[in-house]
PDB file of N, CA and C in Angstrom:
ATOM      1  N   MET A   1      93.955 109.698  85.054  1.00  0.00           N
ATOM      2  CA  MET A   1      95.828 109.705  84.403  1.00  0.00           C
ATOM      3  C   MET A   1      95.015 110.719  82.953  1.00  0.00           C
ATOM      4  N   ALA A   2      93.717 110.395  83.044  1.00  0.00           N
ATOM      5  CA  ALA A   2      92.506 111.656  81.584  1.00  0.00           C
ATOM      6  C   ALA A   2      93.455 112.919  82.449  1.00  0.00           C
ATOM      7  N   ALA A   3      93.196 113.030  83.994  1.00  0.00           N
ATOM      8  CA  ALA A   3      92.731 114.253  84.426  1.00  0.00           C
ATOM      9  C   ALA A   3      94.537 115.549  84.575  1.00  0.00           C
ATOM     10  N   THR A   4      95.701 114.484  84.760  1.00  0.00           N
ATOM     11  CA  THR A   4      96.453 115.303  84.628  1.00  0.00           C
ATOM     12  C   THR A   4      97.883 114.917  82.870  1.00  0.00           C
ATOM     13  N   LEU A   5      98.700 116.127  82.848  1.00  0.00           N
ATOM     14  CA  LEU A   5      99.137 116.249  81.300  1.00  0.00           C
ATOM     15  C   LEU A   5      99.911 114.788  81.460  1.00  0.00           C
ATOM     16  N   THR A   6     100.033 114.251  80.230  1.00  0.00           N
ATOM     17  CA  THR A   6     100.929 113.478  80.162  1.00  0.00           C
ATOM     18  C   THR A   6     102.111 113.723  79.701  1.00  0.00           C
ATOM     19  N   PRO A   7     103.410 113.880  80.271  1.00  0.00           N
ATOM     20  CA  PRO A   7     104.702 114.532  79.603  1.00  0.00           C
ATOM     21  C   PRO A   7     105.188 113.709  78.234  1.00  0.00           C
ATOM     22  N   PRO A   8     106.100 114.840  77.926  1.00  0.00           N
ATOM     23  CA  PRO A   8     106.388 114.774  76.849  1.00  0.00           C
ATOM     24  C   PRO A   8     107.140 113.386  76.723  1.00  0.00           C
ATOM     25  N   GLY A   9     107.289 112.586  75.386  1.00  0.00           N
ATOM     26  CA  GLY A   9     107.522 111.080  75.072  1.00  0.00           C
ATOM     27  C   GLY A   9     106.651 110.456  75.852  1.00  0.00           C
ATOM     28  N   MET A  10     105.562 110.515  76.108  1.00  0.00           N
ATOM     29  CA  MET A  10     104.971 109.425  77.402  1.00  0.00           C
ATOM     30  C   MET A  10     103.533 109.435  76.535  1.00  0.00           C
ATOM     31  N   ILE A  11     102.918 108.098  76.386  1.00  0.00           N
ATOM     32  CA  ILE A  11     101.625 107.919  75.671  1.00  0.00           C
ATOM     33  C   ILE A  11     100.833 107.312  77.039  1.00  0.00           C
ATOM     34  N   ASP A  12      99.925 107.737  77.341  1.00  0.00           N
ATOM     35  CA  ASP A  12      98.086 106.611  78.237  1.00  0.00           C
ATOM     36  C   ASP A  12      97.577 106.138  77.309  1.00  0.00           C
ATOM     37  N   ILE A  13      97.587 104.801  77.406  1.00  0.00           N
ATOM     38  CA  ILE A  13      97.265 103.993  77.182  1.00  0.00           C
ATOM     39  C   ILE A  13      95.980 103.486  78.588  1.00  0.00           C
ATOM     40  N   THR A  14      94.783 102.237  77.352  1.00  0.00           N
ATOM     41  CA  THR A  14      93.530 101.110  78.785  1.00  0.00           C
ATOM     42  C   THR A  14      94.375  99.977  78.244  1.00  0.00           C
ATOM     43  N   LEU A  15      95.005  99.274  79.091  1.00  0.00           N
ATOM     44  CA  LEU A  15      95.376  98.064  78.970  1.00  0.00           C
ATOM     45  C   LEU A  15      94.904  97.173  80.528  1.00  0.00           C
ATOM     46  N   ASP A  16      93.633  95.762  79.396  1.00  0.00           N
ATOM     47  CA  ASP A  16      92.602  95.484  80.307  1.00  0.00           C
ATOM     48  C   ASP A  16      91.628  96.069  80.756  1.00  0.00           C
ATOM     49  N   GLY A  17      91.598  97.262  80.886  1.00  0.00           N
ATOM     50  CA  GLY A  17      90.478  98.442  81.721  1.00  0.00           C
ATOM     51  C   GLY A  17      91.511  98.906  83.147  1.00  0.00           C
ATOM     52  N   GLN A  18      92.638  98.758  82.731  1.00  0.00           N
ATOM     53  CA  GLN A  18      93.807  99.692  83.925  1.00  0.00           C
ATOM     54  C   GLN A  18      94.389 100.615  82.884  1.00  0.00           C
ATOM     55  N   PRO A  19      94.633 102.377  83.337  1.00  0.00           N
ATOM     56  CA  PRO A  19      94.769 102.713  82.771  1.00  0.00           C
ATOM     57  C   PRO A  19      96.924 102.934  82.900  1.00  0.00           C
ATOM     58  N   VAL A  20      97.340 103.211  81.820  1.00  0.00           N
ATOM     59  CA  VAL A  20      98.929 102.901  82.175  1.00  0.00           C
ATOM     60  C   VAL A  20      99.689 103.990  81.241  1.00  0.00           C
ATOM     61  N   ARG A  21     100.905 104.466  81.364  1.00  0.00           N
ATOM     62  CA  ARG A  21     101.224 105.356  81.072  1.00  0.00           C
ATOM     63  C   ARG A  21     102.738 104.807  80.278  1.00  0.00           C
ATOM     64  N   VAL A  22     103.148 105.046  79.239  1.00  0.00           N
ATOM     65  CA  VAL A  22     104.247 104.149  78.437  1.00  0.00           C
ATOM     66  C   VAL A  22     104.616 105.433  77.822  1.00  0.00           C
ATOM     67  N   PRO A  23     106.194 105.066  77.312  1.00  0.00           N
ATOM     68  CA  PRO A  23     107.015 106.232  76.754  1.00  0.00           C
ATOM     69  C   PRO A  23     106.799 105.956  74.925  1.00  0.00           C
ATOM     70  N   ALA A  24     106.543 106.705  74.365  1.00  0.00           N
ATOM     71  CA  ALA A  24     106.038 106.656  72.979  1.00  0.00           C
ATOM     72  C   ALA A  24     106.941 105.775  72.390  1.00  0.00           C
ATOM     73  N   GLY A  25     106.568 104.977  71.324  1.00  0.00           N
ATOM     74  CA  GLY A  25     107.583 104.007  70.638  1.00  0.00           C
ATOM     75  C   GLY A  25     107.196 102.600  70.712  1.00  0.00           C
ATOM     76  N   THR A  26     106.592 102.696  71.948  1.00  0.00           N
ATOM     77  CA  THR A  26     106.336 101.003  72.732  1.00  0.00           C
ATOM     78  C   THR A  26     105.641 100.381  72.214  1.00  0.00           C
ATOM     79  N   SER A  27     106.343  98.954  72.091  1.00  0.00           N
ATOM     80  CA  SER A  27     104.546  97.995  71.331  1.00  0.00           C
ATOM     81  C   SER A  27     104.426  97.635  71.994  1.00  0.00           C
ATOM     82  N   VAL A  28     103.129  97.730  72.385  1.00  0.00           N
ATOM     83  CA  VAL A  28     101.653  96.231  72.619  1.00  0.00           C
ATOM     84  C   VAL A  28     102.073  95.632  73.546  1.00  0.00           C
ATOM     85  N   PHE A  29     103.144  94.738  72.973  1.00  0.00           N
ATOM     86  CA  PHE A  29     103.897  93.918  74.192  1.00  0.00           C
ATOM     87  C   PHE A  29     105.034  94.795  75.244  1.00  0.00           C
ATOM     88  N   ASP A  30     105.385  95.326  75.131  1.00  0.00           N
ATOM     89  CA  ASP A  30     106.285  95.209  75.762  1.00  0.00           C
ATOM     90  C   ASP A  30     106.012  96.216  76.398  1.00  0.00           C
ATOM     91  N   ALA A  31     104.572  97.139  76.466  1.00  0.00           N
ATOM     92  CA  ALA A  31     103.820  97.687  77.500  1.00  0.00           C
ATOM     93  C   ALA A  31     103.088  97.083  77.843  1.00  0.00           C
ATOM     94  N   ALA A  32     102.537  95.916  77.911  1.00  0.00           N
ATOM     95  CA  ALA A  32     101.541  94.977  78.247  1.00  0.00           C
ATOM     96  C   ALA A  32     102.557  94.416  79.532  1.00  0.00           C
ATOM     97  N   ARG A  33     103.475  93.824  78.874  1.00  0.00           N
ATOM     98  CA  ARG A  33     105.354  93.177  79.858  1.00  0.00           C
ATOM     99  C   ARG A  33     105.421  94.290  80.947  1.00  0.00           C
ATOM    100  N   MET A  34     105.971  95.379  80.769  1.00  0.00           N
ATOM    101  CA  MET A  34     106.005  96.436  81.484  1.00  0.00           C
ATOM    102  C   MET A  34     105.039  97.032  83.065  1.00  0.00           C
ATOM    103  N   ASN A  35     104.040  96.193  82.384  1.00  0.00           N
ATOM    104  CA  ASN A  35     102.713  96.292  83.658  1.00  0.00           C
ATOM    105  C   ASN A  35     102.474  95.347  84.458  1.00  0.00           C
ATOM    106  N   GLY A  36     103.063  94.429  83.984  1.00  0.00           N
ATOM    107  CA  GLY A  36     102.922  93.166  84.652  1.00  0.00           C
ATOM    108  C   GLY A  36     101.427  92.468  83.617  1.00  0.00           C
ATOM    109  N   ILE A  37     101.207  92.250  82.741  1.00  0.00           N
ATOM    110  CA  ILE A  37     100.089  91.412  81.928  1.00  0.00           C
ATOM    111  C   ILE A  37     101.268  90.821  80.885  1.00  0.00           C
ATOM    112  N   ASN A  38     101.140  89.360  80.924  1.00  0.00           N
ATOM    113  CA  ASN A  38     101.671  88.474  79.827  1.00  0.00           C
ATOM    114  C   ASN A  38     100.719  88.371  79.239  1.00  0.00           C
ATOM    115  N   ILE A  39     101.278  88.091  77.822  1.00  0.00           N
ATOM    116  CA  ILE A  39     100.776  87.840  76.206  1.00  0.00           C
ATOM    117  C   ILE A  39     102.086  86.575  75.898  1.00  0.00           C
ATOM    118  N   PRO A  40     101.317  85.738  75.682  1.00  0.00           N
ATOM    119  CA  PRO A  40     102.030  84.591  74.831  1.00  0.00           C
ATOM    120  C   PRO A  40     102.846  85.146  73.426  1.00  0.00           C
ATOM    121  N   THR A  41     103.816  84.643  73.138  1.00  0.00           N
ATOM    122  CA  THR A  41     104.877  85.077  72.657  1.00  0.00           C
ATOM    123  C   THR A  41     105.635  83.665  71.968  1.00  0.00           C
ATOM    124  N   LEU A  42     105.892  84.133  70.424  1.00  0.00           N
ATOM    125  CA  LEU A  42     106.847  83.020  69.599  1.00  0.00           C
ATOM    126  C   LEU A  42     108.320  83.570  69.808  1.00  0.00           C
ATOM    127  N   CYS A  43     108.433  84.819  69.114  1.00  0.00           N
ATOM    128  CA  CYS A  43     109.464  86.150  68.275  1.00  0.00           C
ATOM    129  C   CYS A  43     110.467  86.260  69.939  1.00  0.00           C
ATOM    130  N   HIS A  44     109.397  86.724  71.316  1.00  0.00           N
ATOM    131  CA  HIS A  44     110.713  87.051  71.945  1.00  0.00           C
ATOM    132  C   HIS A  44     110.837  85.839  73.078  1.00  0.00           C
ATOM    133  N   LEU A  45     110.607  84.776  72.459  1.00  0.00           N
ATOM    134  CA  LEU A  45     110.832  83.614  73.551  1.00  0.00           C
ATOM    135  C   LEU A  45     112.362  83.307  72.831  1.00  0.00           C
ATOM    136  N   GLN A  46     112.630  82.949  71.442  1.00  0.00           N
ATOM    137  CA  GLN A  46     113.411  83.421  70.977  1.00  0.00           C
ATOM    138  C   GLN A  46     114.744  84.089  70.668  1.00  0.00           C
ATOM    139  N   ASN A  47     114.457  85.284  71.253  1.00  0.00           N
ATOM    140  CA  ASN A  47     114.916  85.912  70.909  1.00  0.00           C
ATOM    141  C   ASN A  47     115.251  86.536  69.928  1.00  0.00           C
ATOM    142  N   GLN A  48     114.540  86.627  68.791  1.00  0.00           N
ATOM    143  CA  GLN A  48     113.890  86.866  66.774  1.00  0.00           C
ATOM    144  C   GLN A  48     113.658  88.404  67.280  1.00  0.00           C
ATOM    145  N   THR A  49     114.076  88.468  66.051  1.00  0.00           N
ATOM    146  CA  THR A  49     112.778  89.823  65.855  1.00  0.00           C
ATOM    147  C   THR A  49     111.637  89.658  65.344  1.00  0.00           C
ATOM    148  N   PRO A  50     110.810  90.596  66.367  1.00  0.00           N
ATOM    149  CA  PRO A  50     109.329  90.278  66.240  1.00  0.00           C
ATOM    150  C   PRO A  50     108.933  91.225  64.726  1.00  0.00           C
ATOM    151  N   VAL A  51     108.159  90.264  64.139  1.00  0.00           N
ATOM    152  CA  VAL A  51     108.111  90.796  62.768  1.00  0.00           C
ATOM    153  C   VAL A  51     106.390  90.586  62.701  1.00  0.00           C
ATOM    154  N   GLY A  52     105.039  89.835  63.396  1.00  0.00           N
ATOM    155  CA  GLY A  52     103.720  89.736  63.991  1.00  0.00           C
ATOM    156  C   GLY A  52     103.035  88.377  62.639  1.00  0.00           C
ATOM    157  N   VAL A  53     103.732  87.507  62.380  1.00  0.00           N
ATOM    158  CA  VAL A  53     103.566  86.789  61.404  1.00  0.00           C
ATOM    159  C   VAL A  53     103.032  85.227  61.754  1.00  0.00           C
ATOM    160  N   CYS A  54     103.159  85.020  62.929  1.00  0.00           N
ATOM    161  CA  CYS A  54     102.545  83.914  64.272  1.00  0.00           C
ATOM    162  C   CYS A  54     101.410  84.061  64.447  1.00  0.00           C
ATOM    163  N   ARG A  55     101.273  85.558  64.718  1.00  0.00           N
ATOM    164  CA  ARG A  55      99.877  85.781  65.163  1.00  0.00           C
ATOM    165  C   ARG A  55      99.555  85.317  66.710  1.00  0.00           C
ATOM    166  N   LEU A  56     100.717  85.268  67.582  1.00  0.00           N
ATOM    167  CA  LEU A  56      99.816  83.914  69.136  1.00  0.00           C
ATOM    168  C   LEU A  56     100.058  85.620  69.566  1.00  0.00           C
ATOM    169  N   CYS A  57     100.931  86.321  69.350  1.00  0.00           N
ATOM    170  CA  CYS A  57     100.043  87.878  70.674  1.00  0.00           C
ATOM    171  C   CYS A  57      99.427  88.823  70.182  1.00  0.00           C
ATOM    172  N   VAL A  58      97.936  87.907  69.734  1.00  0.00           N
ATOM    173  CA  VAL A  58      96.932  88.751  69.287  1.00  0.00           C
ATOM    174  C   VAL A  58      96.707  89.506  70.098  1.00  0.00           C
ATOM    175  N   VAL A  59      95.987  90.983  70.543  1.00  0.00           N
ATOM    176  CA  VAL A  59      95.059  91.320  71.169  1.00  0.00           C
ATOM    177  C   VAL A  59      93.949  91.965  70.785  1.00  0.00           C
ATOM    178  N   ASP A  60      93.842  92.456  70.943  1.00  0.00           N
ATOM    179  CA  ASP A  60      92.291  93.743  70.985  1.00  0.00           C
ATOM    180  C   ASP A  60      92.483  94.946  70.724  1.00  0.00           C
ATOM    181  N   THR A  61      92.242  95.865  69.540  1.00  0.00           N
ATOM    182  CA  THR A  61      92.960  97.295  69.998  1.00  0.00           C
ATOM    183  C   THR A  61      91.532  97.751  69.841  1.00  0.00           C
ATOM    184  N   GLY A  62      90.380  97.481  68.724  1.00  0.00           N
ATOM    185  CA  GLY A  62      88.789  97.975  68.675  1.00  0.00           C
ATOM    186  C   GLY A  62      89.308  98.186  67.252  1.00  0.00           C
ATOM    187  N   ALA A  63      90.148  98.089  66.763  1.00  0.00           N
ATOM    188  CA  ALA A  63      90.167  97.839  65.422  1.00  0.00           C
ATOM    189  C   ALA A  63      89.267  97.007  64.486  1.00  0.00           C
ATOM    190  N   ARG A  64      89.219  97.339  63.423  1.00  0.00           N
ATOM    191  CA  ARG A  64      88.313  96.137  62.457  1.00  0.00           C
ATOM    192  C   ARG A  64      89.019  94.262  62.610  1.00  0.00           C
ATOM    193  N   VAL A  65      90.508  94.384  63.251  1.00  0.00           N
ATOM    194  CA  VAL A  65      90.704  93.271  63.239  1.00  0.00           C
ATOM    195  C   VAL A  65      92.361  93.013  64.106  1.00  0.00           C
ATOM    196  N   LEU A  66      92.158  91.615  64.725  1.00  0.00           N
ATOM    197  CA  LEU A  66      93.236  91.793  66.001  1.00  0.00           C
ATOM    198  C   LEU A  66      94.642  92.010  65.730  1.00  0.00           C
ATOM    199  N   ALA A  67      95.335  93.076  66.755  1.00  0.00           N
ATOM    200  CA  ALA A  67      96.517  93.303  66.320  1.00  0.00           C
ATOM    201  C   ALA A  67      97.698  92.433  67.224  1.00  0.00           C
ATOM    202  N   ALA A  68      98.853  92.182  65.886  1.00  0.00           N
ATOM    203  CA  ALA A  68     100.025  91.339  66.558  1.00  0.00           C
ATOM    204  C   ALA A  68     100.482  92.529  67.550  1.00  0.00           C
ATOM    205  N   SER A  69     100.741  91.524  68.804  1.00  0.00           N
ATOM    206  CA  SER A  69     101.183  93.352  69.555  1.00  0.00           C
ATOM    207  C   SER A  69     102.395  93.478  69.985  1.00  0.00           C
ATOM    208  N   CYS A  70     103.232  92.646  68.803  1.00  0.00           N
ATOM    209  CA  CYS A  70     105.129  92.718  69.400  1.00  0.00           C
ATOM    210  C   CYS A  70     105.278  93.264  67.835  1.00  0.00           C
ATOM    211  N   VAL A  71     104.324  93.944  66.983  1.00  0.00           N
ATOM    212  CA  VAL A  71     104.361  95.109  66.160  1.00  0.00           C
ATOM    213  C   VAL A  71     103.915  95.718  66.359  1.00  0.00           C
ATOM    214  N   ARG A  72     102.594  96.829  67.187  1.00  0.00           N
ATOM    215  CA  ARG A  72     101.664  97.769  66.810  1.00  0.00           C
ATOM    216  C   ARG A  72     102.228  98.174  68.135  1.00  0.00           C
ATOM    217  N   PRO A  73     102.417  99.525  67.843  1.00  0.00           N
ATOM    218  CA  PRO A  73     102.725 100.425  68.743  1.00  0.00           C
ATOM    219  C   PRO A  73     101.821 100.804  69.266  1.00  0.00           C
ATOM    220  N   VAL A  74     101.960 101.546  70.233  1.00  0.00           N
ATOM    221  CA  VAL A  74     100.880 102.035  71.587  1.00  0.00           C
ATOM    222  C   VAL A  74     100.815 103.716  70.740  1.00  0.00           C
ATOM    223  N   GLU A  75      99.269 103.888  70.600  1.00  0.00           N
ATOM    224  CA  GLU A  75      98.726 105.705  70.060  1.00  0.00           C
ATOM    225  C   GLU A  75      98.529 105.897  71.781  1.00  0.00           C
ATOM    226  N   PRO A  76      98.413 107.104  71.432  1.00  0.00           N
ATOM    227  CA  PRO A  76      97.309 107.501  72.216  1.00  0.00           C
ATOM    228  C   PRO A  76      95.791 107.387  72.527  1.00  0.00           C
ATOM    229  N   GLY A  77      95.354 107.296  74.369  1.00  0.00           N
ATOM    230  CA  GLY A  77      94.034 107.228  74.213  1.00  0.00           C
ATOM    231  C   GLY A  77      93.458 105.204  73.581  1.00  0.00           C
ATOM    232  N   MET A  78      94.794 104.491  73.629  1.00  0.00           N
ATOM    233  CA  MET A  78      94.144 103.413  72.796  1.00  0.00           C
ATOM    234  C   MET A  78      94.214 102.710  74.240  1.00  0.00           C
ATOM    235  N   LYS A  79      92.523 101.784  73.242  1.00  0.00           N
ATOM    236  CA  LYS A  79      92.023 100.304  74.495  1.00  0.00           C
ATOM    237  C   LYS A  79      92.650  98.869  74.490  1.00  0.00           C
ATOM    238  N   VAL A  80      93.365  98.709  74.964  1.00  0.00           N
ATOM    239  CA  VAL A  80      93.821  97.038  73.892  1.00  0.00           C
ATOM    240  C   VAL A  80      92.982  95.897  74.918  1.00  0.00           C
ATOM    241  N   VAL A  81      92.465  94.779  74.143  1.00  0.00           N
ATOM    242  CA  VAL A  81      92.409  93.915  75.907  1.00  0.00           C
ATOM    243  C   VAL A  81      93.588  92.533  75.199  1.00  0.00           C
ATOM    244  N   THR A  82      93.835  91.664  76.279  1.00  0.00           N
ATOM    245  CA  THR A  82      95.429  91.268  75.767  1.00  0.00           C
ATOM    246  C   THR A  82      94.959  89.842  75.279  1.00  0.00           C
ATOM    247  N   ASN A  83      93.304  89.549  76.192  1.00  0.00           N
ATOM    248  CA  ASN A  83      93.111  87.760  75.915  1.00  0.00           C
ATOM    249  C   ASN A  83      92.111  88.506  74.990  1.00  0.00           C
ATOM    250  N   PRO A  84      91.576  88.772  73.805  1.00  0.00           N
ATOM    251  CA  PRO A  84      90.893  88.855  72.977  1.00  0.00           C
ATOM    252  C   PRO A  84      89.329  87.326  73.532  1.00  0.00           C
ATOM    253  N   LYS A  85      88.311  87.492  73.659  1.00  0.00           N
ATOM    254  CA  LYS A  85      87.825  85.631  73.682  1.00  0.00           C
ATOM    255  C   LYS A  85      87.915  85.339  72.215  1.00  0.00           C
ATOM    256  N   LYS A  86      87.228  86.767  71.465  1.00  0.00           N
ATOM    257  CA  LYS A  86      86.599  86.174  70.225  1.00  0.00           C
ATOM    258  C   LYS A  86      87.811  85.839  69.215  1.00  0.00           C
ATOM    259  N   PHE A  87      89.113  85.799  69.590  1.00  0.00           N
ATOM    260  CA  PHE A  87      90.218  85.103  68.969  1.00  0.00           C
ATOM    261  C   PHE A  87      90.314  83.695  69.622  1.00  0.00           C
ATOM    262  N   TRP A  88      90.479  83.271  70.793  1.00  0.00           N
ATOM    263  CA  TRP A  88      90.619  82.716  71.638  1.00  0.00           C
ATOM    264  C   TRP A  88      89.582  81.181  71.503  1.00  0.00           C
ATOM    265  N   ALA A  89      88.172  81.363  71.173  1.00  0.00           N
ATOM    266  CA  ALA A  89      87.241  80.597  71.197  1.00  0.00           C
ATOM    267  C   ALA A  89      87.287  80.469  69.336  1.00  0.00           C
ATOM    268  N   ARG A  90      87.873  81.198  68.128  1.00  0.00           N
ATOM    269  CA  ARG A  90      88.506  80.819  67.010  1.00  0.00           C
ATOM    270  C   ARG A  90      89.045  79.728  66.727  1.00  0.00           C
ATOM    271  N   ALA A  91      90.042  80.042  67.575  1.00  0.00           N
ATOM    272  CA  ALA A  91      91.433  78.927  68.117  1.00  0.00           C
ATOM    273  C   ALA A  91      91.057  77.852  68.085  1.00  0.00           C
ATOM    274  N   ARG A  92      90.450  77.346  69.468  1.00  0.00           N
ATOM    275  CA  ARG A  92      89.922  76.511  70.104  1.00  0.00           C
ATOM    276  C   ARG A  92      88.860  75.606  68.909  1.00  0.00           C
ATOM    277  N   ARG A  93      88.305  76.459  68.362  1.00  0.00           N
ATOM    278  CA  ARG A  93      87.376  75.850  66.979  1.00  0.00           C
ATOM    279  C   ARG A  93      88.742  75.514  65.701  1.00  0.00           C
ATOM    280  N   SER A  94      89.020  76.436  65.559  1.00  0.00           N
ATOM    281  CA  SER A  94      90.389  75.673  64.423  1.00  0.00           C
ATOM    282  C   SER A  94      91.235  73.590  64.988  1.00  0.00           C
ATOM    283  N   LEU A  95      90.968  74.438  66.589  1.00  0.00           N
ATOM    284  CA  LEU A  95      92.330  73.042  66.620  1.00  0.00           C
ATOM    285  C   LEU A  95      91.180  71.733  67.020  1.00  0.00           C
ATOM    286  N   ASN A  96      90.318  72.142  66.998  1.00  0.00           N
ATOM    287  CA  ASN A  96      89.450  70.368  67.971  1.00  0.00           C
ATOM    288  C   ASN A  96      88.853  70.097  66.411  1.00  0.00           C
ATOM    289  N   SER A  97      88.839  71.134  64.475  1.00  0.00           N
ATOM    290  CA  SER A  97      88.517  70.152  63.448  1.00  0.00           C
ATOM    291  C   SER A  97      89.258  69.267  63.197  1.00  0.00           C
TER     292      SER A  97
END
């Protein structure tokens, strides 16, 4: 998608290595869902307003910390990994202790 112009109101990002185009203002969670990528969540299952506190839906956006996908808006050129191994390894250690 980098070779073509992005239409106004749309944003090009990479989700799990795949280029995708989504409307501006879309959350990372919704962008993933629109492209067939499932991210675990509590707030969307219970029809709650997403606030990012449970951290079940965290993704790696290349930032210093993992982001709650339910409240993180997409940004042009963002590279998102929806199954961040560094999070799940830490979560497993915490659950096993």
